[in-house]
Amino acid sequence: MALFAFLCTDKPGHLNVRMETRPAHLDHLNALNDKGILKIAGPFLDAEGKPNGSLIIVETETLEEAQALADADPYAKAGLFSSVEVKPYNWVFNKPGA
């Protein structure tokens, strides 16, 4: 198993899409958490403290599997993101169980 980080950037002016899609997004994350796949998740914030992107870290076998999870996110399906980068991640400090 390997860790992958999703670096997601919202499209400008799409806060309404984020808020409308949030319940489905949380259901998606809860399902990943129930499977033990989700490690970290939360929004990036702009200067006013409003969400403008997301950081999600998952544990999967392959980059392709991680990419499929990123693509399945309701935020991605709703067109919220201007970009989503899926990158291998190495959790070095404060990793639970290390």
N, C-alpha and C. Protein backbone atom coordinates (compact mmCIF):
# COMPACT_ATOMS: atom_id res chain seq x y z
N MET A 1 0.86 -1.19 0.00
CA MET A 1 0.00 0.00 0.00
C MET A 1 0.89 1.24 0.00
N ALA A 2 0.41 2.27 -0.67
CA ALA A 2 1.14 3.52 -0.78
C ALA A 2 0.19 4.68 -0.52
N LEU A 3 0.77 5.80 -0.11
CA LEU A 3 -0.01 7.00 0.14
C LEU A 3 0.03 7.91 -1.09
N PHE A 4 -1.11 8.56 -1.35
CA PHE A 4 -1.23 9.51 -2.45
C PHE A 4 -1.98 10.74 -1.95
N ALA A 5 -1.49 11.91 -2.34
CA ALA A 5 -2.12 13.18 -1.98
C ALA A 5 -2.86 13.73 -3.19
N PHE A 6 -4.08 14.20 -2.95
CA PHE A 6 -4.84 14.90 -3.98
C PHE A 6 -4.74 16.39 -3.64
N LEU A 7 -4.19 17.16 -4.56
CA LEU A 7 -4.09 18.60 -4.41
C LEU A 7 -5.11 19.21 -5.37
N CYS A 8 -6.20 19.68 -4.82
CA CYS A 8 -7.35 20.13 -5.62
C CYS A 8 -7.51 21.63 -5.48
N THR A 9 -7.68 22.30 -6.61
CA THR A 9 -7.88 23.74 -6.63
C THR A 9 -9.27 24.04 -7.19
N ASP A 10 -10.04 24.80 -6.43
CA ASP A 10 -11.39 25.17 -6.87
C ASP A 10 -11.32 26.18 -8.02
N LYS A 11 -12.31 26.13 -8.89
CA LYS A 11 -12.49 27.16 -9.90
C LYS A 11 -12.93 28.43 -9.18
N PRO A 12 -12.43 29.59 -9.61
CA PRO A 12 -12.89 30.84 -9.00
C PRO A 12 -14.41 30.99 -9.15
N GLY A 13 -15.03 31.54 -8.10
CA GLY A 13 -16.47 31.79 -8.15
C GLY A 13 -17.34 30.56 -8.04
N HIS A 14 -16.78 29.45 -7.56
CA HIS A 14 -17.54 28.20 -7.47
C HIS A 14 -17.84 27.75 -6.04
N LEU A 15 -17.79 28.70 -5.09
CA LEU A 15 -18.10 28.35 -3.70
C LEU A 15 -19.49 27.74 -3.58
N ASN A 16 -20.43 28.23 -4.39
CA ASN A 16 -21.79 27.68 -4.34
C ASN A 16 -21.80 26.21 -4.75
N VAL A 17 -20.98 25.83 -5.72
CA VAL A 17 -20.90 24.42 -6.14
C VAL A 17 -20.35 23.58 -4.98
N ARG A 18 -19.33 24.09 -4.31
CA ARG A 18 -18.76 23.39 -3.16
C ARG A 18 -19.83 23.17 -2.09
N MET A 19 -20.56 24.22 -1.75
CA MET A 19 -21.53 24.12 -0.67
C MET A 19 -22.70 23.21 -1.04
N GLU A 20 -23.16 23.29 -2.28
CA GLU A 20 -24.27 22.44 -2.72
C GLU A 20 -23.88 20.97 -2.78
N THR A 21 -22.62 20.70 -3.08
CA THR A 21 -22.14 19.32 -3.27
C THR A 21 -21.54 18.74 -1.99
N ARG A 22 -21.37 19.56 -0.98
CA ARG A 22 -20.68 19.14 0.25
C ARG A 22 -21.28 17.88 0.89
N PRO A 23 -22.59 17.74 1.04
CA PRO A 23 -23.10 16.51 1.66
C PRO A 23 -22.68 15.24 0.91
N ALA A 24 -22.73 15.25 -0.41
CA ALA A 24 -22.32 14.08 -1.19
C ALA A 24 -20.82 13.85 -1.07
N HIS A 25 -20.05 14.94 -1.04
CA HIS A 25 -18.60 14.84 -0.86
C HIS A 25 -18.27 14.20 0.49
N LEU A 26 -18.95 14.64 1.55
CA LEU A 26 -18.71 14.06 2.87
C LEU A 26 -19.11 12.59 2.92
N ASP A 27 -20.19 12.22 2.25
CA ASP A 27 -20.57 10.80 2.18
C ASP A 27 -19.46 9.99 1.50
N HIS A 28 -18.89 10.55 0.43
CA HIS A 28 -17.79 9.89 -0.28
C HIS A 28 -16.59 9.69 0.65
N LEU A 29 -16.22 10.75 1.37
CA LEU A 29 -15.09 10.66 2.28
C LEU A 29 -15.37 9.68 3.43
N ASN A 30 -16.59 9.70 3.95
CA ASN A 30 -16.94 8.76 5.02
C ASN A 30 -16.85 7.32 4.55
N ALA A 31 -17.24 7.05 3.30
CA ALA A 31 -17.13 5.70 2.75
C ALA A 31 -15.67 5.28 2.63
N LEU A 32 -14.81 6.20 2.20
CA LEU A 32 -13.37 5.90 2.13
C LEU A 32 -12.80 5.67 3.52
N ASN A 33 -13.25 6.46 4.47
CA ASN A 33 -12.79 6.31 5.85
C ASN A 33 -13.22 4.96 6.42
N ASP A 34 -14.47 4.56 6.15
CA ASP A 34 -14.96 3.27 6.64
C ASP A 34 -14.15 2.11 6.09
N LYS A 35 -13.59 2.26 4.89
CA LYS A 35 -12.75 1.23 4.27
C LYS A 35 -11.30 1.31 4.73
N GLY A 36 -10.96 2.33 5.51
CA GLY A 36 -9.59 2.50 5.98
C GLY A 36 -8.66 3.11 4.94
N ILE A 37 -9.22 3.66 3.88
CA ILE A 37 -8.43 4.23 2.78
C ILE A 37 -8.06 5.68 3.06
N LEU A 38 -8.97 6.45 3.65
CA LEU A 38 -8.78 7.88 3.88
C LEU A 38 -7.86 8.10 5.07
N LYS A 39 -6.84 8.94 4.89
CA LYS A 39 -5.91 9.25 5.97
C LYS A 39 -6.06 10.68 6.46
N ILE A 40 -6.23 11.64 5.53
CA ILE A 40 -6.35 13.06 5.86
C ILE A 40 -7.26 13.71 4.83
N ALA A 41 -8.07 14.66 5.27
CA ALA A 41 -8.89 15.42 4.32
C ALA A 41 -9.27 16.76 4.93
N GLY A 42 -9.27 17.79 4.09
CA GLY A 42 -9.71 19.10 4.54
C GLY A 42 -9.52 20.13 3.45
N PRO A 43 -10.16 21.29 3.63
CA PRO A 43 -10.09 22.33 2.61
C PRO A 43 -8.88 23.25 2.79
N PHE A 44 -8.41 23.80 1.67
CA PHE A 44 -7.53 24.95 1.70
C PHE A 44 -8.42 26.17 1.87
N LEU A 45 -7.88 27.24 2.46
CA LEU A 45 -8.67 28.44 2.72
C LEU A 45 -8.03 29.65 2.05
N ASP A 46 -8.89 30.55 1.58
CA ASP A 46 -8.39 31.80 1.00
C ASP A 46 -8.13 32.82 2.11
N ALA A 47 -7.75 34.03 1.75
CA ALA A 47 -7.43 35.07 2.72
C ALA A 47 -8.61 35.45 3.60
N GLU A 48 -9.83 35.18 3.13
CA GLU A 48 -11.04 35.48 3.92
C GLU A 48 -11.50 34.29 4.75
N GLY A 49 -10.75 33.18 4.68
CA GLY A 49 -11.11 31.99 5.44
C GLY A 49 -12.14 31.11 4.77
N LYS A 50 -12.42 31.36 3.49
CA LYS A 50 -13.38 30.55 2.74
C LYS A 50 -12.65 29.44 1.99
N PRO A 51 -13.25 28.25 1.89
CA PRO A 51 -12.58 27.15 1.19
C PRO A 51 -12.37 27.47 -0.28
N ASN A 52 -11.18 27.10 -0.78
CA ASN A 52 -10.86 27.32 -2.19
C ASN A 52 -10.08 26.17 -2.81
N GLY A 53 -10.13 25.02 -2.16
CA GLY A 53 -9.44 23.83 -2.64
C GLY A 53 -9.50 22.74 -1.58
N SER A 54 -8.86 21.62 -1.87
CA SER A 54 -8.89 20.49 -0.94
C SER A 54 -7.55 19.76 -0.94
N LEU A 55 -7.22 19.22 0.23
CA LEU A 55 -6.12 18.28 0.38
C LEU A 55 -6.72 16.98 0.90
N ILE A 56 -6.50 15.91 0.17
CA ILE A 56 -6.97 14.59 0.59
C ILE A 56 -5.81 13.63 0.45
N ILE A 57 -5.58 12.82 1.46
CA ILE A 57 -4.53 11.79 1.39
C ILE A 57 -5.20 10.44 1.60
N VAL A 58 -4.92 9.54 0.67
CA VAL A 58 -5.49 8.19 0.71
C VAL A 58 -4.37 7.16 0.64
N GLU A 59 -4.69 5.94 1.02
CA GLU A 59 -3.76 4.82 0.92
C GLU A 59 -4.37 3.78 -0.01
N THR A 60 -3.68 3.54 -1.13
CA THR A 60 -4.14 2.58 -2.12
C THR A 60 -2.95 1.78 -2.64
N GLU A 61 -3.25 0.80 -3.46
CA GLU A 61 -2.19 -0.03 -4.05
C GLU A 61 -1.44 0.70 -5.16
N THR A 62 -2.16 1.46 -5.98
CA THR A 62 -1.55 2.06 -7.16
C THR A 62 -1.98 3.51 -7.36
N LEU A 63 -1.21 4.21 -8.14
CA LEU A 63 -1.57 5.57 -8.53
C LEU A 63 -2.88 5.59 -9.30
N GLU A 64 -3.09 4.58 -10.14
CA GLU A 64 -4.33 4.50 -10.92
C GLU A 64 -5.55 4.36 -10.02
N GLU A 65 -5.43 3.57 -8.97
CA GLU A 65 -6.54 3.42 -8.02
C GLU A 65 -6.80 4.75 -7.29
N ALA A 66 -5.75 5.45 -6.90
CA ALA A 66 -5.90 6.75 -6.25
C ALA A 66 -6.56 7.74 -7.21
N GLN A 67 -6.13 7.74 -8.46
CA GLN A 67 -6.71 8.64 -9.45
C GLN A 67 -8.20 8.36 -9.64
N ALA A 68 -8.58 7.09 -9.63
CA ALA A 68 -9.99 6.73 -9.76
C ALA A 68 -10.80 7.26 -8.58
N LEU A 69 -10.22 7.22 -7.39
CA LEU A 69 -10.92 7.77 -6.21
C LEU A 69 -11.08 9.28 -6.34
N ALA A 70 -10.04 9.95 -6.82
CA ALA A 70 -10.12 11.40 -7.02
C ALA A 70 -11.19 11.74 -8.04
N ASP A 71 -11.25 10.97 -9.12
CA ASP A 71 -12.23 11.21 -10.17
C ASP A 71 -13.66 10.94 -9.69
N ALA A 72 -13.81 10.03 -8.72
CA ALA A 72 -15.14 9.67 -8.21
C ALA A 72 -15.68 10.65 -7.18
N ASP A 73 -14.84 11.57 -6.71
CA ASP A 73 -15.29 12.53 -5.70
C ASP A 73 -16.42 13.39 -6.28
N PRO A 74 -17.50 13.54 -5.55
CA PRO A 74 -18.61 14.37 -6.03
C PRO A 74 -18.19 15.80 -6.38
N TYR A 75 -17.21 16.36 -5.69
CA TYR A 75 -16.72 17.69 -6.06
C TYR A 75 -16.16 17.67 -7.48
N ALA A 76 -15.36 16.65 -7.79
CA ALA A 76 -14.78 16.54 -9.13
C ALA A 76 -15.88 16.35 -10.16
N LYS A 77 -16.84 15.49 -9.86
CA LYS A 77 -17.93 15.22 -10.80
C LYS A 77 -18.79 16.46 -11.04
N ALA A 78 -18.90 17.33 -10.03
CA ALA A 78 -19.71 18.54 -10.15
C ALA A 78 -18.97 19.67 -10.87
N GLY A 79 -17.70 19.45 -11.19
CA GLY A 79 -16.93 20.47 -11.90
C GLY A 79 -16.39 21.56 -11.00
N LEU A 80 -16.24 21.28 -9.70
CA LEU A 80 -15.74 22.29 -8.77
C LEU A 80 -14.28 22.65 -9.03
N PHE A 81 -13.48 21.67 -9.37
CA PHE A 81 -12.04 21.88 -9.42
C PHE A 81 -11.55 22.36 -10.78
N SER A 82 -10.62 23.33 -10.74
CA SER A 82 -9.93 23.73 -11.96
C SER A 82 -8.76 22.79 -12.22
N SER A 83 -8.25 22.17 -11.15
CA SER A 83 -7.18 21.18 -11.31
C SER A 83 -7.18 20.22 -10.13
N VAL A 84 -6.77 19.00 -10.42
CA VAL A 84 -6.56 17.97 -9.39
C VAL A 84 -5.26 17.26 -9.73
N GLU A 85 -4.33 17.35 -8.81
CA GLU A 85 -3.04 16.68 -8.98
C GLU A 85 -2.99 15.54 -7.98
N VAL A 86 -2.72 14.33 -8.45
CA VAL A 86 -2.58 13.16 -7.58
C VAL A 86 -1.10 12.79 -7.57
N LYS A 87 -0.51 12.84 -6.37
CA LYS A 87 0.93 12.65 -6.24
C LYS A 87 1.25 11.61 -5.17
N PRO A 88 2.27 10.78 -5.39
CA PRO A 88 2.74 9.91 -4.31
C PRO A 88 3.18 10.76 -3.12
N TYR A 89 2.90 10.26 -1.92
CA TYR A 89 3.16 11.02 -0.70
C TYR A 89 3.90 10.15 0.30
N ASN A 90 4.87 10.74 0.99
CA ASN A 90 5.62 10.02 2.03
C ASN A 90 5.37 10.71 3.36
N TRP A 91 4.61 10.09 4.23
CA TRP A 91 4.28 10.64 5.54
C TRP A 91 5.45 10.33 6.48
N VAL A 92 6.22 11.37 6.84
CA VAL A 92 7.43 11.16 7.62
C VAL A 92 7.21 11.49 9.10
N PHE A 93 6.69 12.67 9.40
CA PHE A 93 6.55 13.10 10.79
C PHE A 93 5.13 12.91 11.29
N ASN A 94 5.03 12.50 12.57
CA ASN A 94 3.76 12.35 13.28
C ASN A 94 2.81 11.36 12.63
N LYS A 95 3.35 10.37 11.93
CA LYS A 95 2.52 9.35 11.32
C LYS A 95 2.02 8.40 12.41
N PRO A 96 0.70 8.21 12.52
CA PRO A 96 0.17 7.29 13.54
C PRO A 96 0.73 5.88 13.34
N GLY A 97 1.13 5.27 14.43
CA GLY A 97 1.62 3.90 14.38
C GLY A 97 3.06 3.77 13.93
N ALA A 98 3.74 4.90 13.68
CA ALA A 98 5.15 4.82 13.23
C ALA A 98 6.06 4.72 14.41
